[in-house]
Amino acid sequence: MSRIFSFPAPAKLNLFLHITGQRSNGYHNLQTLFQFLDYGDTLHFEVTNGQTVELLTEFDGVAIEDNLIYRAAKKLQTYSGVSQGVKISIDKILPMGGGLGGGSSNAATVLIALNTLWKLDLDKQTLADIGLELGADVPIFVHGYASFAEGVGEIITPQSPVEHWYLVTKPAVSISTAQVFGAEDLTRNTPLIDKSNYHLEQCHNDCQDWVINHYPEVANLIAWLIEYAPSQMTGTGACVFSSFATEQEARYIQSKLPSGIESFVAKGANISPLQHAIEKLSF
């Protein structure tokens, strides 16, 4: 029986997200600070003979051919010309439509894992370039370190923000990234900041104002959390993260959350858990 290998697909936070302009093709120019969490999905891989890619886990409302996990595997297979296939399953715990980068992280884990399991020996920049065709956030997960990101998210500079404990919460609503970035009244003119000289506490999330004006569930959650700790939305939402010095403080506030709020507590990680998993891998 073939061996099954398991790899993490960690969540990310946007510690801030500034939208500095919009390109003629509709994409947005951003400045943002990414940090990973020691919490996320887990993907399982079984290498097979032949070139069949099988995604064994179904997602409601998403055709297998449209799933980023499947698309990442097929794109890497096509690029490399490898004659092997794979069966992939996933333990999915990250909420959809939360702004935690779950789909992009899944795709990156596929690229990194199969590069190793198929023995392709492609460098990270090549994998990141393949990943960029799947989504703007995929390269950051491929490179695997906390970063200041610019452009559409593909120009990255390593950073070392404080690895806080976070309470991550999500109201009973999912938010479409396309809807937020397509909104006419979204702020798109935040001035550029110097990535080597800025203060995180003076930064913000340009998507948050739009979301709280259109999703009262998010507005109410932020208003509740801000009484206890610095709190803001990650990405395009709907998840909100609150920063704490200790795990105990985070779990205490978690125990007081209003009903109907999904939540988890996690530690910030400047090196991706996926990076650590690859380094520990032995055949």
Protein backbone atom coordinates (compact mmCIF):
# COMPACT_ATOMS: atom_id res chain seq x y z
CA MET A 1 0.00 0.00 0.00
CA SER A 2 1.29 3.46 -0.90
CA ARG A 3 2.34 5.78 1.88
CA ILE A 4 0.15 8.78 2.68
CA PHE A 5 1.91 12.05 3.48
CA SER A 6 0.22 14.86 5.40
CA PHE A 7 1.06 18.56 5.25
CA PRO A 8 -0.43 21.66 6.91
CA ALA A 9 -2.12 24.49 5.01
CA PRO A 10 -1.96 27.29 7.58
CA ALA A 11 -4.19 30.31 7.86
CA LYS A 12 -2.81 33.81 7.38
CA LEU A 13 -3.68 37.20 8.76
CA ASN A 14 -3.40 40.52 7.00
CA LEU A 15 -2.09 42.62 9.88
CA PHE A 16 -3.04 45.58 7.70
CA LEU A 17 -4.30 45.97 4.14
CA HIS A 18 -3.94 49.22 2.21
CA ILE A 19 -5.39 49.56 -1.30
CA THR A 20 -3.19 52.05 -3.11
CA GLY A 21 -4.68 51.98 -6.60
CA GLN A 22 -6.37 49.95 -9.32
CA ARG A 23 -4.90 48.72 -12.59
CA SER A 24 -6.52 48.92 -15.99
CA ASN A 25 -7.10 45.13 -15.88
CA GLY A 26 -9.17 45.49 -12.70
CA TYR A 27 -6.53 44.15 -10.29
CA HIS A 28 -5.72 46.24 -7.24
CA ASN A 29 -2.35 47.51 -6.07
CA LEU A 30 -1.91 46.68 -2.40
CA GLN A 31 0.39 47.06 0.52
CA THR A 32 -0.15 44.49 3.24
CA LEU A 33 1.64 42.61 6.01
CA PHE A 34 1.07 38.86 6.07
CA GLN A 35 1.64 36.65 9.08
CA PHE A 36 0.87 32.95 9.34
CA LEU A 37 -0.97 31.17 12.15
CA ASP A 38 -0.14 27.82 13.72
CA TYR A 39 -3.65 26.70 12.76
CA GLY A 40 -5.16 25.56 9.47
CA ASP A 41 -6.27 22.77 7.18
CA THR A 42 -4.38 19.50 6.67
CA LEU A 43 -3.92 17.93 3.23
CA HIS A 44 -3.14 14.25 2.64
CA PHE A 45 -1.28 12.99 -0.44
CA GLU A 46 -0.86 9.53 -1.95
CA VAL A 47 1.38 9.45 -5.02
CA THR A 48 0.10 7.16 -7.78
CA ASN A 49 1.30 5.79 -11.08
CA GLY A 50 -0.18 7.40 -14.18
CA GLN A 51 -1.21 11.02 -14.47
CA THR A 52 -4.60 10.97 -12.77
CA VAL A 53 -5.19 13.67 -10.16
CA GLU A 54 -7.98 12.70 -7.76
CA LEU A 55 -9.49 15.04 -5.19
CA LEU A 56 -11.21 12.71 -2.75
CA THR A 57 -12.89 15.43 -0.66
CA GLU A 58 -15.95 17.12 -2.10
CA PHE A 59 -16.86 20.77 -1.51
CA ASP A 60 -20.48 21.85 -1.71
CA GLY A 61 -21.10 24.07 -4.69
CA VAL A 62 -17.57 23.74 -6.10
CA ALA A 63 -16.84 21.44 -9.03
CA ILE A 64 -13.64 19.42 -8.59
CA GLU A 65 -12.15 20.96 -11.75
CA ASP A 66 -12.67 24.44 -10.24
CA ASN A 67 -11.17 23.63 -6.86
CA LEU A 68 -7.80 25.30 -6.23
CA ILE A 69 -6.39 22.04 -4.82
CA TYR A 70 -7.12 20.18 -8.05
CA ARG A 71 -6.09 23.09 -10.27
CA ALA A 72 -2.75 23.49 -8.47
CA ALA A 73 -1.91 19.80 -8.89
CA LYS A 74 -2.84 19.79 -12.58
CA LYS A 75 -0.95 23.02 -13.27
CA LEU A 76 2.20 21.66 -11.63
CA GLN A 77 1.82 18.36 -13.46
CA THR A 78 1.49 20.14 -16.81
CA TYR A 79 4.40 22.48 -16.10
CA SER A 80 6.77 19.71 -15.03
CA GLY A 81 5.69 16.93 -17.38
CA VAL A 82 5.82 14.47 -14.49
CA SER A 83 4.44 11.01 -15.25
CA GLN A 84 3.01 10.45 -11.76
CA GLY A 85 -0.41 11.25 -10.34
CA VAL A 86 -1.82 11.78 -6.87
CA LYS A 87 -4.83 11.24 -4.63
CA ILE A 88 -5.52 14.20 -2.34
CA SER A 89 -7.89 14.58 0.58
CA ILE A 90 -8.27 17.43 3.08
CA ASP A 91 -9.31 17.96 6.66
CA LYS A 92 -11.00 21.34 6.21
CA ILE A 93 -11.31 23.47 9.33
CA LEU A 94 -10.74 27.02 8.03
CA PRO A 95 -14.03 28.82 7.32
CA MET A 96 -14.89 29.70 3.73
CA GLY A 97 -15.25 33.41 3.01
CA GLY A 98 -13.32 34.35 6.11
CA GLY A 99 -10.33 36.20 4.72
CA LEU A 100 -7.88 33.68 6.19
CA GLY A 101 -6.49 32.60 2.80
CA GLY A 102 -7.64 29.00 3.08
CA GLY A 103 -8.00 28.33 -0.65
CA SER A 104 -4.68 29.99 -1.48
CA SER A 105 -2.95 28.13 1.34
CA ASN A 106 -4.39 24.82 0.09
CA ALA A 107 -3.03 25.54 -3.40
CA ALA A 108 0.41 26.44 -2.06
CA THR A 109 0.57 23.30 0.05
CA VAL A 110 -0.22 21.24 -3.05
CA LEU A 111 2.59 22.93 -5.00
CA ILE A 112 5.16 22.59 -2.21
CA ALA A 113 4.18 19.03 -1.26
CA LEU A 114 4.02 17.65 -4.79
CA ASN A 115 7.27 19.36 -5.74
CA THR A 116 8.80 17.22 -2.98
CA LEU A 117 6.80 14.02 -3.42
CA TRP A 118 7.15 14.02 -7.22
CA LYS A 119 10.87 14.90 -6.79
CA LEU A 120 10.63 17.83 -9.21
CA ASP A 121 13.25 20.00 -7.49
CA LEU A 122 11.70 23.26 -8.68
CA ASP A 123 12.79 26.35 -6.75
CA LYS A 124 10.35 28.37 -4.69
CA GLN A 125 10.22 31.29 -7.10
CA THR A 126 9.13 28.97 -9.91
CA LEU A 127 6.44 27.49 -7.67
CA ALA A 128 5.36 30.99 -6.62
CA ASP A 129 5.07 32.04 -10.27
CA ILE A 130 2.87 29.00 -10.95
CA GLY A 131 0.86 29.84 -7.83
CA LEU A 132 0.31 33.45 -8.90
CA GLU A 133 -1.71 32.14 -11.84
CA LEU A 134 -4.05 30.55 -9.29
CA GLY A 135 -4.42 33.54 -6.96
CA ALA A 136 -2.62 36.65 -5.73
CA ASP A 137 -2.11 35.26 -2.20
CA VAL A 138 -0.63 31.91 -3.25
CA PRO A 139 3.01 33.12 -3.56
CA ILE A 140 3.16 34.26 0.06
CA PHE A 141 2.19 30.77 1.21
CA VAL A 142 4.76 29.23 -1.15
CA HIS A 143 7.62 31.37 0.13
CA GLY A 144 6.60 30.61 3.69
CA TYR A 145 7.68 33.61 5.74
CA ALA A 146 5.89 36.65 7.14
CA SER A 147 6.18 39.40 4.56
CA PHE A 148 5.33 42.92 3.51
CA ALA A 149 3.61 42.41 0.15
CA GLU A 150 3.12 44.90 -2.67
CA GLY A 151 1.85 44.91 -6.24
CA VAL A 152 -1.10 42.52 -6.33
CA GLY A 153 0.60 40.63 -3.51
CA GLU A 154 3.44 39.04 -5.45
CA ILE A 155 6.26 41.47 -4.51
CA ILE A 156 7.29 40.36 -1.05
CA THR A 157 9.85 41.44 1.52
CA PRO A 158 10.44 39.33 4.65
CA GLN A 159 9.37 40.91 7.93
CA SER A 160 9.35 39.86 11.58
CA PRO A 161 6.22 41.20 13.28
CA VAL A 162 5.53 40.27 16.89
CA GLU A 163 4.12 36.74 17.11
CA HIS A 164 1.07 37.58 19.21
CA TRP A 165 -1.59 35.21 20.40
CA TYR A 166 -4.78 35.83 18.44
CA LEU A 167 -8.45 35.18 18.99
CA VAL A 168 -9.89 34.77 15.50
CA THR A 169 -13.66 35.12 15.25
CA LYS A 170 -16.21 34.85 12.46
CA PRO A 171 -19.88 35.85 12.52
CA ALA A 172 -22.44 33.75 10.66
CA VAL A 173 -21.75 35.34 7.29
CA SER A 174 -19.40 34.73 4.37
CA ILE A 175 -18.05 37.58 2.28
CA SER A 176 -17.05 37.36 -1.37
CA THR A 177 -13.62 38.79 -2.12
CA ALA A 178 -14.82 39.64 -5.61
CA GLN A 179 -17.76 41.57 -4.18
CA VAL A 180 -15.53 43.69 -1.93
CA PHE A 181 -12.92 44.48 -4.56
CA GLY A 182 -15.66 45.16 -7.11
CA ALA A 183 -17.47 47.69 -4.93
CA GLU A 184 -17.62 51.20 -6.40
CA ASP A 185 -17.29 52.87 -3.00
CA LEU A 186 -14.24 50.91 -1.81
CA THR A 187 -11.27 53.09 -0.78
CA ARG A 188 -8.55 52.73 -3.42
CA ASN A 189 -6.26 55.71 -2.85
CA THR A 190 -4.43 55.10 0.42
CA PRO A 191 -0.95 56.71 0.21
CA LEU A 192 2.04 54.40 -0.10
CA ILE A 193 4.04 53.73 3.05
CA ASP A 194 7.75 52.93 3.36
CA LYS A 195 8.12 49.22 4.09
CA SER A 196 11.33 49.88 6.01
CA ASN A 197 9.89 52.62 8.20
CA TYR A 198 6.27 52.35 9.29
CA HIS A 199 4.30 51.82 12.49
CA LEU A 200 1.85 48.94 12.46
CA GLU A 201 -0.51 50.65 14.89
CA GLN A 202 -0.96 53.49 12.37
CA CYS A 203 -2.02 51.11 9.59
CA HIS A 204 -5.52 49.81 8.84
CA ASN A 205 -7.60 47.60 6.56
CA ASP A 206 -9.22 49.51 3.69
CA CYS A 207 -11.77 46.73 3.22
CA GLN A 208 -13.05 47.00 6.78
CA ASP A 209 -14.98 50.27 6.43
CA TRP A 210 -16.83 48.93 3.39
CA VAL A 211 -17.62 45.60 5.04
CA ILE A 212 -18.93 47.06 8.30
CA ASN A 213 -21.20 49.38 6.30
CA HIS A 214 -22.70 46.41 4.42
CA TYR A 215 -22.48 43.58 6.96
CA PRO A 216 -23.83 44.54 10.40
CA GLU A 217 -22.78 41.12 11.72
CA VAL A 218 -19.13 42.11 11.25
CA ALA A 219 -19.69 45.64 12.56
CA ASN A 220 -21.32 44.33 15.73
CA LEU A 221 -18.58 41.75 16.33
CA ILE A 222 -15.78 44.31 15.97
CA ALA A 223 -17.61 46.71 18.29
CA TRP A 224 -17.87 43.96 20.92
CA LEU A 225 -14.26 42.78 20.60
CA ILE A 226 -12.67 46.22 20.61
CA GLU A 227 -13.76 46.59 24.24
CA TYR A 228 -11.34 43.81 25.18
CA ALA A 229 -8.38 43.99 22.78
CA PRO A 230 -7.09 45.60 19.57
CA SER A 231 -9.30 44.03 16.89
CA GLN A 232 -9.67 44.36 13.14
CA MET A 233 -10.76 42.43 10.09
CA THR A 234 -8.32 40.29 8.11
CA GLY A 235 -8.33 40.42 4.33
CA THR A 236 -11.79 41.02 2.93
CA GLY A 237 -13.38 39.40 5.99
CA ALA A 238 -15.56 38.14 7.53
CA CYS A 239 -12.99 37.00 10.12
CA VAL A 240 -11.77 39.41 12.78
CA PHE A 241 -8.58 38.98 14.78
CA SER A 242 -7.87 40.28 18.26
CA SER A 243 -4.33 40.49 19.64
CA PHE A 244 -3.28 39.25 23.09
CA ALA A 245 -0.01 38.83 24.95
CA THR A 246 -0.88 35.34 26.23
CA GLU A 247 -2.92 32.33 25.20
CA GLN A 248 -4.77 32.49 28.52
CA GLU A 249 -6.05 36.02 27.85
CA ALA A 250 -7.22 35.04 24.37
CA ARG A 251 -9.06 31.97 25.64
CA TYR A 252 -10.70 33.94 28.43
CA ILE A 253 -12.26 36.39 25.96
CA GLN A 254 -13.15 33.46 23.70
CA SER A 255 -15.19 32.02 26.57
CA LYS A 256 -17.22 35.25 26.72
CA LEU A 257 -18.07 35.51 23.01
CA PRO A 258 -21.70 36.07 22.01
CA SER A 259 -23.54 33.00 20.72
CA GLY A 260 -23.34 32.17 17.04
CA ILE A 261 -19.72 33.25 16.63
CA GLU A 262 -17.18 30.73 15.28
CA SER A 263 -13.76 31.12 16.88
CA PHE A 264 -10.33 29.68 17.47
CA VAL A 265 -7.17 30.74 19.29
CA ALA A 266 -3.82 30.55 17.51
CA LYS A 267 -0.27 31.83 17.71
CA GLY A 268 1.23 34.07 15.08
CA ALA A 269 4.02 32.38 13.13
CA ASN A 270 6.61 34.22 11.05
CA ILE A 271 7.78 30.93 9.52
CA SER A 272 5.00 28.87 7.96
CA PRO A 273 4.17 25.55 9.63
CA LEU A 274 4.34 24.10 6.11
CA GLN A 275 8.01 25.09 5.91
CA HIS A 276 8.73 23.21 9.12
CA ALA A 277 6.82 20.15 7.89
CA ILE A 278 8.82 19.99 4.64
CA GLU A 279 12.10 20.31 6.52
CA LYS A 280 11.16 17.39 8.80
CA LEU A 281 9.98 15.13 5.96
CA SER A 282 11.77 11.82 5.49
CA PHE A 283 11.00 9.15 2.93
